[in-house]
Amino acid sequence: MVDPEVTERIAERRAELDDLEEQLVKQLAEVRAGREDLAATERVLARMSEQIAAERAATAPAVAQVGGKGALLIPHRAPDLTETALPPEYQRILAEVRDAGGPVTVRQIGETLGVDTGVRGKLEPLRGKLTKLADRGWLRKRPDGRFTVRP
């Protein structure tokens, strides 16, 4: 025959363990939810970092080493420079703006160059290149955001 005091202690211990299990289940659920939130945050941060890096790369002056000195790959327009001083991709962009015959949007140039214009992120590098050409005097950026060829 089992002592009633032992049976009572077993029941008390079982109740303690049940309470502890319930607390641990709640804590585990909180930990899992926290990990999911953290993973989502990391994904957003990675995406934002990629976008920022792409924007910086698109707007940063391209410099190459020539004879041990830095030289802009997209030079400022000067009377003695022709379009051939530009990299081929920039020459093509400049030609497309010229062929349009009037002010064009980034989307219009993107369409003629075969860029997926349905995705905004695909147009941003092109916008950076057009802006760089405008900043260096090869194009003119109008107040409405459209681009034209400089005379």
Protein backbone atom coordinates (compact mmCIF):
# COMPACT_ATOMS: atom_id res chain seq x y z
CA MET A 1 0.00 0.00 0.00
CA VAL A 2 1.25 3.47 -0.99
CA ASP A 3 1.60 6.12 1.64
CA PRO A 4 -0.92 8.97 1.04
CA GLU A 5 1.79 11.55 1.77
CA VAL A 6 3.96 10.14 -1.03
CA THR A 7 0.99 10.20 -3.40
CA GLU A 8 0.33 13.83 -2.46
CA ARG A 9 3.98 14.80 -3.04
CA ILE A 10 3.92 13.08 -6.45
CA ALA A 11 0.75 14.98 -7.38
CA GLU A 12 2.31 18.29 -6.24
CA ARG A 13 5.47 17.58 -8.23
CA ARG A 14 3.40 16.64 -11.29
CA ALA A 15 1.51 19.96 -10.98
CA GLU A 16 4.81 21.88 -10.68
CA LEU A 17 6.18 20.14 -13.77
CA ASP A 18 2.95 20.79 -15.69
CA ASP A 19 3.17 24.51 -14.80
CA LEU A 20 6.82 24.58 -15.79
CA GLU A 21 6.03 22.85 -19.09
CA GLU A 22 3.30 25.40 -19.82
CA GLN A 23 5.72 28.28 -19.14
CA LEU A 24 8.39 26.70 -21.32
CA VAL A 25 5.91 26.16 -24.19
CA LYS A 26 4.97 29.87 -24.00
CA GLN A 27 8.63 30.90 -23.90
CA LEU A 28 9.44 28.64 -26.85
CA ALA A 29 6.58 30.19 -28.85
CA GLU A 30 7.94 33.68 -28.02
CA VAL A 31 11.46 32.64 -29.04
CA ARG A 32 10.22 31.23 -32.35
CA ALA A 33 8.17 34.37 -33.06
CA GLY A 34 11.22 36.51 -32.22
CA ARG A 35 13.40 34.46 -34.57
CA GLU A 36 10.85 34.82 -37.38
CA ASP A 37 10.76 38.59 -36.83
CA LEU A 38 14.54 38.71 -36.83
CA ALA A 39 14.76 36.69 -40.05
CA ALA A 40 12.26 39.02 -41.74
CA THR A 41 14.26 42.03 -40.56
CA GLU A 42 17.47 40.52 -41.91
CA ARG A 43 15.84 39.92 -45.30
CA VAL A 44 14.60 43.52 -45.48
CA LEU A 45 17.99 44.83 -44.40
CA ALA A 46 19.78 42.74 -47.04
CA ARG A 47 17.39 43.99 -49.75
CA MET A 48 17.82 47.60 -48.65
CA SER A 49 21.61 47.21 -48.55
CA GLU A 50 21.60 45.85 -52.11
CA GLN A 51 19.44 48.74 -53.31
CA ILE A 52 21.63 51.32 -51.59
CA ALA A 53 24.77 49.73 -53.02
CA ALA A 54 23.23 49.75 -56.52
CA GLU A 55 22.21 53.38 -56.17
CA ARG A 56 25.66 54.36 -54.94
CA ALA A 57 27.32 52.46 -57.76
CA ALA A 58 25.03 54.11 -60.30
CA THR A 59 25.68 57.64 -59.06
CA ALA A 60 29.30 57.39 -57.96
CA PRO A 61 31.82 58.74 -60.40
CA ALA A 62 33.51 55.87 -62.19
CA VAL A 63 37.26 56.25 -61.85
CA ALA A 64 39.92 54.19 -63.56
CA GLN A 65 43.67 54.21 -63.06
CA VAL A 66 45.48 55.67 -66.06
CA GLY A 67 49.22 56.07 -65.72
CA GLY A 68 48.91 55.78 -61.94
CA LYS A 69 46.37 58.62 -61.74
CA GLY A 70 42.61 58.48 -61.38
CA ALA A 71 40.56 59.35 -64.45
CA LEU A 72 36.77 59.61 -64.73
CA LEU A 73 35.26 56.97 -66.97
CA ILE A 74 32.42 59.38 -67.66
CA PRO A 75 34.32 62.60 -68.35
CA HIS A 76 32.84 66.06 -68.23
CA ARG A 77 31.79 67.26 -71.65
CA ALA A 78 34.34 69.54 -73.26
CA PRO A 79 34.66 71.04 -76.74
CA ASP A 80 37.55 68.73 -77.61
CA LEU A 81 35.76 65.55 -76.43
CA THR A 82 33.52 63.42 -78.59
CA GLU A 83 31.03 60.78 -77.52
CA THR A 84 33.67 58.13 -78.17
CA ALA A 85 35.26 59.21 -74.87
CA LEU A 86 32.28 57.58 -73.13
CA PRO A 87 31.97 53.87 -72.39
CA PRO A 88 29.87 52.01 -75.02
CA GLU A 89 26.83 51.66 -72.74
CA TYR A 90 26.74 55.42 -72.16
CA GLN A 91 27.21 56.08 -75.89
CA ARG A 92 24.17 53.91 -76.56
CA ILE A 93 22.08 55.77 -73.95
CA LEU A 94 23.13 59.12 -75.42
CA ALA A 95 22.24 57.91 -78.93
CA GLU A 96 18.78 56.75 -77.78
CA VAL A 97 18.05 60.13 -76.18
CA ARG A 98 19.19 61.88 -79.37
CA ASP A 99 17.12 59.55 -81.58
CA ALA A 100 14.01 60.28 -79.52
CA GLY A 101 14.04 63.81 -80.94
CA GLY A 102 12.71 65.45 -77.78
CA PRO A 103 12.50 65.19 -74.01
CA VAL A 104 12.31 61.59 -72.83
CA THR A 105 11.65 59.86 -69.53
CA VAL A 106 13.81 57.19 -67.98
CA ARG A 107 11.05 54.68 -68.71
CA GLN A 108 11.05 55.56 -72.43
CA ILE A 109 14.81 55.08 -72.69
CA GLY A 110 14.52 51.87 -70.69
CA GLU A 111 11.96 50.53 -73.14
CA THR A 112 14.17 51.28 -76.14
CA LEU A 113 17.15 49.66 -74.40
CA GLY A 114 15.13 46.55 -73.49
CA VAL A 115 15.10 47.12 -69.72
CA ASP A 116 12.22 45.52 -67.78
CA THR A 117 10.35 48.77 -67.10
CA GLY A 118 7.64 47.05 -65.06
CA VAL A 119 10.06 46.75 -62.15
CA ARG A 120 11.02 50.12 -60.66
CA GLY A 121 14.30 48.78 -59.30
CA LYS A 122 15.43 47.93 -62.84
CA LEU A 123 15.09 51.56 -63.92
CA GLU A 124 17.08 53.08 -61.06
CA PRO A 125 20.54 52.17 -62.43
CA LEU A 126 19.50 53.65 -65.79
CA ARG A 127 18.23 56.78 -64.02
CA GLY A 128 21.64 57.04 -62.35
CA LYS A 129 23.43 56.79 -65.70
CA LEU A 130 21.19 59.42 -67.30
CA THR A 131 21.71 61.70 -64.31
CA LYS A 132 25.46 61.14 -64.47
CA LEU A 133 25.44 62.09 -68.17
CA ALA A 134 23.45 65.21 -67.28
CA ASP A 135 25.78 66.09 -64.39
CA ARG A 136 28.78 65.80 -66.70
CA GLY A 137 27.19 68.00 -69.38
CA TRP A 138 26.33 65.37 -72.01
CA LEU A 139 22.56 65.61 -71.42
CA ARG A 140 20.22 68.17 -69.92
CA LYS A 141 17.82 67.16 -67.16
CA ARG A 142 14.64 69.20 -67.25
CA PRO A 143 12.72 70.22 -64.10
CA ASP A 144 10.03 67.66 -64.97
CA GLY A 145 12.65 64.86 -64.79
CA ARG A 146 12.88 64.26 -68.53
CA PHE A 147 16.18 64.32 -70.41
CA THR A 148 17.25 65.99 -73.64
CA VAL A 149 20.47 66.19 -75.61
CA ARG A 150 22.53 69.32 -75.10
CA PRO A 151 23.05 71.36 -78.26
